[in-house]
Amino acid sequence: MRQSSKATKETIAHAYESSQFNEVLDEVLHPGGLELTARVAEVAEISSESQVLDISSGRGTTSCFLAQQFGCHVTGIDISPLSTSLAHHKADVQNLSAFIEFLAADAETIPFTDCSFDVIISECSFSLQLNKQRGAGEIARVLKPGGRFVLTDVLLKSNLSQELKTDLTFSCCFSGAETKDGYLKLLTDAGLEAICFEDHSKAMKKITYQVITGYGSLSAFWEQFGSKNDSCCLVSGDTSGSRKLWLRMFQEGKPGYGLLAFNKPR
């Protein structure tokens, strides 16, 4: 039986709060690291005048990077109050509080008025939204006319079967991912115009290696997340079952990683 929407979101938040997971990836929880974030900023045309929304800002690494590099004002939202608190601390330590604010908020109900931001970015988090149509609509709503939305996320080569989606306990960065066409439809249906696509699948292989190295083995990673109720992508309490689901996801979806950019028409 699937979890309720609220419980699912809490489970995802707890998974990404893991201290070891953050330490292994140096608190940059997306393929490509800050190098790809810099590319996102370039495509988004961020400047010192930009008002930027960082969706699922986690512990604030991307937000702080953008504020340091461009002197722009960044607002980070994340569903985890713990991660948000740690992000506040990071900004304070780096003397960036004047440029950054963080809020614990759900990306499916963004707590800002229409047309508030010049740029919105989402790094490996749109796939985690349970109601992507609503999330896409919220992005389009709070983006200014002429503004830009840049998404980097897991990209499926083929759609997952309904049987596999049913077997998975809840959506995650893999099971919740879309094909390129799937992302394009969600965002264009929300009223945005697609302007750019880049394939960054090599970054997916690199982060997988980082995780395996950081945990000693893939089995150790599965045991860390698969044996607890706060796991993401895995069958709670069933490491063997989790392995099988992961294998099925990779066989069916053949996931890679991509960057997609959109404009909001004036």
C-alpha atoms as a PDB file:
ATOM      1  CA  MET A   1       0.000   0.000   0.000  1.00  0.00           C
ATOM      2  CA  ARG A   2       1.356   3.408  -0.955  1.00  0.00           C
ATOM      3  CA  GLN A   3       2.010   6.108   1.607  1.00  0.00           C
ATOM      4  CA  SER A   4      -0.143   9.215   1.773  1.00  0.00           C
ATOM      5  CA  SER A   5       1.175  12.256  -0.089  1.00  0.00           C
ATOM      6  CA  LYS A   6       2.191  13.950   3.158  1.00  0.00           C
ATOM      7  CA  ALA A   7       3.982  10.857   4.467  1.00  0.00           C
ATOM      8  CA  THR A   8       5.733  10.382   1.123  1.00  0.00           C
ATOM      9  CA  LYS A   9       7.079  13.928   1.173  1.00  0.00           C
ATOM     10  CA  GLU A  10       8.274  13.521   4.759  1.00  0.00           C
ATOM     11  CA  THR A  11      10.026  10.287   3.795  1.00  0.00           C
ATOM     12  CA  ILE A  12      11.815  11.952   0.875  1.00  0.00           C
ATOM     13  CA  ALA A  13      12.845  14.880   3.085  1.00  0.00           C
ATOM     14  CA  HIS A  14      14.267  12.540   5.744  1.00  0.00           C
ATOM     15  CA  ALA A  15      16.259  10.628   3.126  1.00  0.00           C
ATOM     16  CA  TYR A  16      17.956  13.775   1.854  1.00  0.00           C
ATOM     17  CA  GLU A  17      18.682  14.942   5.403  1.00  0.00           C
ATOM     18  CA  SER A  18      21.077  11.994   5.890  1.00  0.00           C
ATOM     19  CA  SER A  19      24.399  13.328   7.189  1.00  0.00           C
ATOM     20  CA  GLN A  20      26.439  10.560   5.564  1.00  0.00           C
ATOM     21  CA  PHE A  21      24.750  11.074   2.203  1.00  0.00           C
ATOM     22  CA  ASN A  22      25.541  14.806   2.372  1.00  0.00           C
ATOM     23  CA  GLU A  23      29.125  14.159   3.458  1.00  0.00           C
ATOM     24  CA  VAL A  24      29.748  11.704   0.620  1.00  0.00           C
ATOM     25  CA  LEU A  25      28.528  14.244  -1.955  1.00  0.00           C
ATOM     26  CA  ASP A  26      29.923  17.329  -0.186  1.00  0.00           C
ATOM     27  CA  GLU A  27      26.344  18.622   0.219  1.00  0.00           C
ATOM     28  CA  VAL A  28      25.902  18.897  -3.563  1.00  0.00           C
ATOM     29  CA  LEU A  29      23.158  16.336  -4.031  1.00  0.00           C
ATOM     30  CA  HIS A  30      22.924  16.348  -7.809  1.00  0.00           C
ATOM     31  CA  PRO A  31      24.987  15.006 -10.727  1.00  0.00           C
ATOM     32  CA  GLY A  32      27.493  17.428 -12.192  1.00  0.00           C
ATOM     33  CA  GLY A  33      28.115  19.239  -8.899  1.00  0.00           C
ATOM     34  CA  LEU A  34      28.779  22.966  -8.900  1.00  0.00           C
ATOM     35  CA  GLU A  35      30.349  22.738 -12.354  1.00  0.00           C
ATOM     36  CA  LEU A  36      26.922  21.923 -13.769  1.00  0.00           C
ATOM     37  CA  THR A  37      25.375  24.564 -11.500  1.00  0.00           C
ATOM     38  CA  ALA A  38      27.672  27.100 -13.169  1.00  0.00           C
ATOM     39  CA  ARG A  39      26.366  25.939 -16.547  1.00  0.00           C
ATOM     40  CA  VAL A  40      22.799  26.305 -15.252  1.00  0.00           C
ATOM     41  CA  ALA A  41      23.605  29.892 -14.239  1.00  0.00           C
ATOM     42  CA  GLU A  42      25.049  30.586 -17.690  1.00  0.00           C
ATOM     43  CA  VAL A  43      21.980  29.234 -19.484  1.00  0.00           C
ATOM     44  CA  ALA A  44      19.725  31.131 -17.067  1.00  0.00           C
ATOM     45  CA  GLU A  45      21.675  34.328 -17.750  1.00  0.00           C
ATOM     46  CA  ILE A  46      21.941  35.136 -14.040  1.00  0.00           C
ATOM     47  CA  SER A  47      23.358  38.556 -13.197  1.00  0.00           C
ATOM     48  CA  SER A  48      23.692  40.722 -10.118  1.00  0.00           C
ATOM     49  CA  GLU A  49      20.203  42.079 -10.869  1.00  0.00           C
ATOM     50  CA  SER A  50      18.542  38.663 -10.882  1.00  0.00           C
ATOM     51  CA  GLN A  51      15.989  37.567  -8.336  1.00  0.00           C
ATOM     52  CA  VAL A  52      16.555  33.791  -8.241  1.00  0.00           C
ATOM     53  CA  LEU A  53      14.411  31.012  -6.777  1.00  0.00           C
ATOM     54  CA  ASP A  54      16.299  27.802  -5.927  1.00  0.00           C
ATOM     55  CA  ILE A  55      13.740  24.988  -5.638  1.00  0.00           C
ATOM     56  CA  SER A  56      14.660  22.227  -3.172  1.00  0.00           C
ATOM     57  CA  SER A  57      17.661  24.196  -1.942  1.00  0.00           C
ATOM     58  CA  GLY A  58      18.743  21.572   0.614  1.00  0.00           C
ATOM     59  CA  ARG A  59      21.625  22.765   2.786  1.00  0.00           C
ATOM     60  CA  GLY A  60      22.108  25.866   0.669  1.00  0.00           C
ATOM     61  CA  THR A  61      25.181  24.947  -1.380  1.00  0.00           C
ATOM     62  CA  THR A  62      23.811  26.087  -4.748  1.00  0.00           C
ATOM     63  CA  SER A  63      22.189  29.235  -3.336  1.00  0.00           C
ATOM     64  CA  CYS A  64      25.431  30.302  -1.663  1.00  0.00           C
ATOM     65  CA  PHE A  65      27.426  29.540  -4.808  1.00  0.00           C
ATOM     66  CA  LEU A  66      25.153  31.717  -6.951  1.00  0.00           C
ATOM     67  CA  ALA A  67      25.175  34.602  -4.468  1.00  0.00           C
ATOM     68  CA  GLN A  68      28.978  34.472  -4.238  1.00  0.00           C
ATOM     69  CA  GLN A  69      29.557  34.229  -7.975  1.00  0.00           C
ATOM     70  CA  PHE A  70      27.000  36.748  -9.216  1.00  0.00           C
ATOM     71  CA  GLY A  71      25.972  38.928  -6.284  1.00  0.00           C
ATOM     72  CA  CYS A  72      22.338  38.087  -7.079  1.00  0.00           C
ATOM     73  CA  HIS A  73      19.551  37.715  -4.541  1.00  0.00           C
ATOM     74  CA  VAL A  74      18.604  34.067  -4.035  1.00  0.00           C
ATOM     75  CA  THR A  75      15.589  32.586  -2.278  1.00  0.00           C
ATOM     76  CA  GLY A  76      15.844  28.898  -1.466  1.00  0.00           C
ATOM     77  CA  ILE A  77      12.846  26.743  -0.616  1.00  0.00           C
ATOM     78  CA  ASP A  78      13.023  23.200   0.687  1.00  0.00           C
ATOM     79  CA  ILE A  79      10.463  20.891   2.236  1.00  0.00           C
ATOM     80  CA  SER A  80      12.875  19.978   5.061  1.00  0.00           C
ATOM     81  CA  PRO A  81      12.982  22.367   8.050  1.00  0.00           C
ATOM     82  CA  LEU A  82      16.265  20.754   9.142  1.00  0.00           C
ATOM     83  CA  SER A  83      17.966  21.336   5.791  1.00  0.00           C
ATOM     84  CA  THR A  84      16.571  24.875   5.725  1.00  0.00           C
ATOM     85  CA  SER A  85      18.046  25.587   9.153  1.00  0.00           C
ATOM     86  CA  LEU A  86      21.437  24.271   8.050  1.00  0.00           C
ATOM     87  CA  ALA A  87      21.222  26.409   4.905  1.00  0.00           C
ATOM     88  CA  HIS A  88      20.613  29.521   7.045  1.00  0.00           C
ATOM     89  CA  HIS A  89      23.733  28.647   9.036  1.00  0.00           C
ATOM     90  CA  LYS A  90      25.811  28.168   5.873  1.00  0.00           C
ATOM     91  CA  ALA A  91      24.773  31.585   4.563  1.00  0.00           C
ATOM     92  CA  ASP A  92      25.600  33.209   7.907  1.00  0.00           C
ATOM     93  CA  VAL A  93      29.058  31.593   8.047  1.00  0.00           C
ATOM     94  CA  GLN A  94      29.806  32.748   4.495  1.00  0.00           C
ATOM     95  CA  ASN A  95      28.530  36.282   5.211  1.00  0.00           C
ATOM     96  CA  LEU A  96      25.852  35.950   2.558  1.00  0.00           C
ATOM     97  CA  SER A  97      22.734  36.582   4.623  1.00  0.00           C
ATOM     98  CA  ALA A  98      22.146  39.911   2.893  1.00  0.00           C
ATOM     99  CA  PHE A  99      21.844  38.095  -0.442  1.00  0.00           C
ATOM    100  CA  ILE A 100      19.998  34.919   0.540  1.00  0.00           C
ATOM    101  CA  GLU A 101      16.868  33.821   2.349  1.00  0.00           C
ATOM    102  CA  PHE A 102      15.676  30.283   2.971  1.00  0.00           C
ATOM    103  CA  LEU A 103      12.157  29.043   3.656  1.00  0.00           C
ATOM    104  CA  ALA A 104      10.759  25.635   4.535  1.00  0.00           C
ATOM    105  CA  ALA A 105       8.130  25.306   1.822  1.00  0.00           C
ATOM    106  CA  ASP A 106       6.585  22.846  -0.632  1.00  0.00           C
ATOM    107  CA  ALA A 107       7.457  23.419  -4.298  1.00  0.00           C
ATOM    108  CA  GLU A 108       3.925  22.393  -5.248  1.00  0.00           C
ATOM    109  CA  THR A 109       2.558  25.422  -3.352  1.00  0.00           C
ATOM    110  CA  ILE A 110       5.264  28.099  -3.700  1.00  0.00           C
ATOM    111  CA  PRO A 111       4.582  30.833  -1.092  1.00  0.00           C
ATOM    112  CA  PHE A 112       5.190  33.856  -3.333  1.00  0.00           C
ATOM    113  CA  THR A 113       3.042  36.156  -5.434  1.00  0.00           C
ATOM    114  CA  ASP A 114       2.760  35.917  -9.194  1.00  0.00           C
ATOM    115  CA  CYS A 115       5.742  37.055 -11.270  1.00  0.00           C
ATOM    116  CA  SER A 116       8.191  37.285  -8.345  1.00  0.00           C
ATOM    117  CA  PHE A 117      11.395  35.855  -9.900  1.00  0.00           C
ATOM    118  CA  ASP A 118      13.611  36.491 -12.906  1.00  0.00           C
ATOM    119  CA  VAL A 119      15.139  33.014 -12.743  1.00  0.00           C
ATOM    120  CA  ILE A 120      14.006  29.724 -11.239  1.00  0.00           C
ATOM    121  CA  ILE A 121      16.268  26.688 -11.021  1.00  0.00           C
ATOM    122  CA  SER A 122      15.560  23.098 -10.009  1.00  0.00           C
ATOM    123  CA  GLU A 123      18.488  20.693  -9.697  1.00  0.00           C
ATOM    124  CA  CYS A 124      17.513  17.020  -9.504  1.00  0.00           C
ATOM    125  CA  SER A 125      14.310  17.840  -7.614  1.00  0.00           C
ATOM    126  CA  PHE A 126      11.456  18.272 -10.092  1.00  0.00           C
ATOM    127  CA  SER A 127      11.370  14.481 -10.471  1.00  0.00           C
ATOM    128  CA  LEU A 128      10.653  14.238  -6.731  1.00  0.00           C
ATOM    129  CA  GLN A 129       7.438  16.239  -6.968  1.00  0.00           C
ATOM    130  CA  LEU A 130       4.412  14.022  -6.597  1.00  0.00           C
ATOM    131  CA  ASN A 131       2.113  16.353  -8.544  1.00  0.00           C
ATOM    132  CA  LYS A 132       4.315  17.606 -11.350  1.00  0.00           C
ATOM    133  CA  GLN A 133       1.486  19.373 -13.179  1.00  0.00           C
ATOM    134  CA  ARG A 134       0.866  21.482 -10.086  1.00  0.00           C
ATOM    135  CA  GLY A 135       4.603  22.046  -9.597  1.00  0.00           C
ATOM    136  CA  ALA A 136       5.016  23.155 -13.223  1.00  0.00           C
ATOM    137  CA  GLY A 137       2.055  25.501 -12.856  1.00  0.00           C
ATOM    138  CA  GLU A 138       3.579  27.063  -9.741  1.00  0.00           C
ATOM    139  CA  ILE A 139       6.902  27.630 -11.515  1.00  0.00           C
ATOM    140  CA  ALA A 140       5.132  29.343 -14.408  1.00  0.00           C
ATOM    141  CA  ARG A 141       3.043  31.430 -11.990  1.00  0.00           C
ATOM    142  CA  VAL A 142       5.907  32.897  -9.924  1.00  0.00           C
ATOM    143  CA  LEU A 143       8.262  33.396 -12.897  1.00  0.00           C
ATOM    144  CA  LYS A 144       8.269  36.897 -14.389  1.00  0.00           C
ATOM    145  CA  PRO A 145       7.336  37.355 -18.071  1.00  0.00           C
ATOM    146  CA  GLY A 146      10.612  37.031 -19.971  1.00  0.00           C
ATOM    147  CA  GLY A 147      12.064  35.067 -17.071  1.00  0.00           C
ATOM    148  CA  ARG A 148      13.879  31.766 -17.382  1.00  0.00           C
ATOM    149  CA  PHE A 149      13.425  28.353 -15.741  1.00  0.00           C
ATOM    150  CA  VAL A 150      16.332  25.881 -15.893  1.00  0.00           C
ATOM    151  CA  LEU A 151      15.875  22.278 -14.870  1.00  0.00           C
ATOM    152  CA  THR A 152      18.502  19.563 -14.455  1.00  0.00           C
ATOM    153  CA  ASP A 153      17.201  16.127 -13.616  1.00  0.00           C
ATOM    154  CA  VAL A 154      17.205  12.400 -14.171  1.00  0.00           C
ATOM    155  CA  LEU A 155      16.107  11.725 -17.735  1.00  0.00           C
ATOM    156  CA  LEU A 156      14.530   8.427 -18.744  1.00  0.00           C
ATOM    157  CA  LYS A 157      15.155   7.043 -22.210  1.00  0.00           C
ATOM    158  CA  SER A 158      11.954   4.982 -21.924  1.00  0.00           C
ATOM    159  CA  ASN A 159       8.900   5.292 -19.693  1.00  0.00           C
ATOM    160  CA  LEU A 160       8.671   2.932 -16.733  1.00  0.00           C
ATOM    161  CA  SER A 161       5.915   0.335 -16.916  1.00  0.00           C
ATOM    162  CA  GLN A 162       2.823   0.880 -14.790  1.00  0.00           C
ATOM    163  CA  GLU A 163       3.572  -2.436 -13.089  1.00  0.00           C
ATOM    164  CA  LEU A 164       6.967  -1.163 -11.907  1.00  0.00           C
ATOM    165  CA  LYS A 165       5.524   2.176 -10.802  1.00  0.00           C
ATOM    166  CA  THR A 166       2.931   0.275  -8.789  1.00  0.00           C
ATOM    167  CA  ASP A 167       5.609  -1.908  -7.165  1.00  0.00           C
ATOM    168  CA  LEU A 168       7.631   1.118  -6.071  1.00  0.00           C
ATOM    169  CA  THR A 169       6.619   2.444  -2.683  1.00  0.00           C
ATOM    170  CA  PHE A 170       6.717   6.100  -3.799  1.00  0.00           C
ATOM    171  CA  SER A 171       8.156   8.531  -6.313  1.00  0.00           C
ATOM    172  CA  CYS A 172      11.854   9.409  -6.223  1.00  0.00           C
ATOM    173  CA  CYS A 173      14.521  10.850  -8.485  1.00  0.00           C
ATOM    174  CA  PHE A 174      14.423   7.678 -10.628  1.00  0.00           C
ATOM    175  CA  SER A 175      10.878   6.357 -10.357  1.00  0.00           C
ATOM    176  CA  GLY A 176       9.512   9.909 -10.527  1.00  0.00           C
ATOM    177  CA  ALA A 177      11.651  10.896 -13.510  1.00  0.00           C
ATOM    178  CA  GLU A 178      10.279  11.675 -16.962  1.00  0.00           C
ATOM    179  CA  THR A 179      11.507  11.285 -20.505  1.00  0.00           C
ATOM    180  CA  LYS A 180      12.702  14.422 -22.297  1.00  0.00           C
ATOM    181  CA  ASP A 181       9.321  14.654 -24.019  1.00  0.00           C
ATOM    182  CA  GLY A 182       7.587  14.169 -20.681  1.00  0.00           C
ATOM    183  CA  TYR A 183       9.377  17.145 -19.100  1.00  0.00           C
ATOM    184  CA  LEU A 184       8.771  19.258 -22.207  1.00  0.00           C
ATOM    185  CA  LYS A 185       5.052  18.542 -22.158  1.00  0.00           C
ATOM    186  CA  LEU A 186       4.684  19.305 -18.441  1.00  0.00           C
ATOM    187  CA  LEU A 187       6.398  22.685 -18.718  1.00  0.00           C
ATOM    188  CA  THR A 188       4.987  23.760 -22.074  1.00  0.00           C
ATOM    189  CA  ASP A 189       1.475  22.805 -20.946  1.00  0.00           C
ATOM    190  CA  ALA A 190       2.087  25.165 -17.999  1.00  0.00           C
ATOM    191  CA  GLY A 191       2.710  27.986 -20.479  1.00  0.00           C
ATOM    192  CA  LEU A 192       6.522  28.022 -20.808  1.00  0.00           C
ATOM    193  CA  GLU A 193       8.543  27.872 -24.030  1.00  0.00           C
ATOM    194  CA  ALA A 194      11.389  25.359 -24.392  1.00  0.00           C
ATOM    195  CA  ILE A 195      14.644  26.984 -25.524  1.00  0.00           C
ATOM    196  CA  CYS A 196      17.495  24.591 -24.733  1.00  0.00           C
ATOM    197  CA  PHE A 197      18.338  20.939 -24.045  1.00  0.00           C
ATOM    198  CA  GLU A 198      21.696  19.403 -23.088  1.00  0.00           C
ATOM    199  CA  ASP A 199      22.576  15.807 -22.283  1.00  0.00           C
ATOM    200  CA  HIS A 200      24.733  15.471 -19.147  1.00  0.00           C
ATOM    201  CA  SER A 201      24.423  11.724 -18.622  1.00  0.00           C
ATOM    202  CA  LYS A 202      28.155  11.358 -17.948  1.00  0.00           C
ATOM    203  CA  ALA A 203      27.570  13.290 -14.708  1.00  0.00           C
ATOM    204  CA  MET A 204      25.185  10.536 -13.589  1.00  0.00           C
ATOM    205  CA  LYS A 205      27.945   7.931 -13.848  1.00  0.00           C
ATOM    206  CA  LYS A 206      30.316  10.119 -11.849  1.00  0.00           C
ATOM    207  CA  ILE A 207      27.921  10.660  -8.944  1.00  0.00           C
ATOM    208  CA  THR A 208      27.104   6.946  -8.858  1.00  0.00           C
ATOM    209  CA  TYR A 209      30.837   6.260  -8.480  1.00  0.00           C
ATOM    210  CA  GLN A 210      31.032   8.858  -5.680  1.00  0.00           C
ATOM    211  CA  VAL A 211      28.204   7.187  -3.787  1.00  0.00           C
ATOM    212  CA  ILE A 212      29.646   3.698  -4.166  1.00  0.00           C
ATOM    213  CA  THR A 213      33.112   4.902  -3.112  1.00  0.00           C
ATOM    214  CA  GLY A 214      31.740   6.863  -0.179  1.00  0.00           C
ATOM    215  CA  TYR A 215      29.797   3.922   1.209  1.00  0.00           C
ATOM    216  CA  GLY A 216      32.443   1.317   0.418  1.00  0.00           C
ATOM    217  CA  SER A 217      30.113  -0.654  -1.847  1.00  0.00           C
ATOM    218  CA  LEU A 218      26.712  -0.394  -3.456  1.00  0.00           C
ATOM    219  CA  SER A 219      25.476  -3.021  -0.987  1.00  0.00           C
ATOM    220  CA  ALA A 220      26.457  -0.770   1.912  1.00  0.00           C
ATOM    221  CA  PHE A 221      24.523   2.088   0.312  1.00  0.00           C
ATOM    222  CA  TRP A 222      21.457  -0.119  -0.079  1.00  0.00           C
ATOM    223  CA  GLU A 223      21.745  -1.265   3.523  1.00  0.00           C
ATOM    224  CA  GLN A 224      22.048   2.344   4.746  1.00  0.00           C
ATOM    225  CA  PHE A 225      18.884   3.464   2.978  1.00  0.00           C
ATOM    226  CA  GLY A 226      16.992   0.256   2.367  1.00  0.00           C
ATOM    227  CA  SER A 227      16.791  -0.839   5.984  1.00  0.00           C
ATOM    228  CA  LYS A 228      15.115   2.311   7.293  1.00  0.00           C
ATOM    229  CA  ASN A 229      11.711   3.911   6.994  1.00  0.00           C
ATOM    230  CA  ASP A 230      13.302   7.166   5.808  1.00  0.00           C
ATOM    231  CA  SER A 231      14.671   5.679   2.610  1.00  0.00           C
ATOM    232  CA  CYS A 232      14.172   7.192  -0.815  1.00  0.00           C
ATOM    233  CA  CYS A 233      13.749   4.990  -3.912  1.00  0.00           C
ATOM    234  CA  LEU A 234      13.965   1.786  -1.904  1.00  0.00           C
ATOM    235  CA  VAL A 235      11.620  -0.767  -0.373  1.00  0.00           C
ATOM    236  CA  SER A 236      11.746  -0.110   3.360  1.00  0.00           C
ATOM    237  CA  GLY A 237      13.214  -2.982   5.318  1.00  0.00           C
ATOM    238  CA  ASP A 238      13.864  -5.147   2.239  1.00  0.00           C
ATOM    239  CA  THR A 239      17.351  -4.673   0.815  1.00  0.00           C
ATOM    240  CA  SER A 240      16.992  -7.610  -1.583  1.00  0.00           C
ATOM    241  CA  GLY A 241      13.707  -6.314  -2.918  1.00  0.00           C
ATOM    242  CA  SER A 242      15.204  -2.856  -3.269  1.00  0.00           C
ATOM    243  CA  ARG A 243      18.042  -4.191  -5.436  1.00  0.00           C
ATOM    244  CA  LYS A 244      15.561  -5.866  -7.749  1.00  0.00           C
ATOM    245  CA  LEU A 245      13.528  -2.689  -8.125  1.00  0.00           C
ATOM    246  CA  TRP A 246      16.654  -0.632  -8.848  1.00  0.00           C
ATOM    247  CA  LEU A 247      17.697  -3.110 -11.528  1.00  0.00           C
ATOM    248  CA  ARG A 248      14.231  -3.046 -13.085  1.00  0.00           C
ATOM    249  CA  MET A 249      14.232   0.760 -13.079  1.00  0.00           C
ATOM    250  CA  PHE A 250      17.583   0.879 -14.888  1.00  0.00           C
ATOM    251  CA  GLN A 251      16.614  -1.843 -17.356  1.00  0.00           C
ATOM    252  CA  GLU A 252      13.270  -0.276 -18.238  1.00  0.00           C
ATOM    253  CA  GLY A 253      14.047   3.433 -17.972  1.00  0.00           C
ATOM    254  CA  LYS A 254      17.726   3.506 -19.006  1.00  0.00           C
ATOM    255  CA  PRO A 255      18.137   6.765 -17.030  1.00  0.00           C
ATOM    256  CA  GLY A 256      20.551   9.522 -17.933  1.00  0.00           C
ATOM    257  CA  TYR A 257      20.710  13.173 -16.903  1.00  0.00           C
ATOM    258  CA  GLY A 258      19.716  16.303 -18.755  1.00  0.00           C
ATOM    259  CA  LEU A 259      19.428  20.093 -18.658  1.00  0.00           C
ATOM    260  CA  LEU A 260      16.297  21.767 -20.017  1.00  0.00           C
ATOM    261  CA  ALA A 261      15.666  25.511 -20.158  1.00  0.00           C
ATOM    262  CA  PHE A 262      12.423  27.417 -20.652  1.00  0.00           C
ATOM    263  CA  ASN A 263      11.311  31.026 -21.093  1.00  0.00           C
ATOM    264  CA  LYS A 264       8.054  32.556 -19.900  1.00  0.00           C
ATOM    265  CA  PRO A 265       6.516  34.525 -22.792  1.00  0.00           C
ATOM    266  CA  ARG A 266       6.198  38.269 -22.275  1.00  0.00           C
END
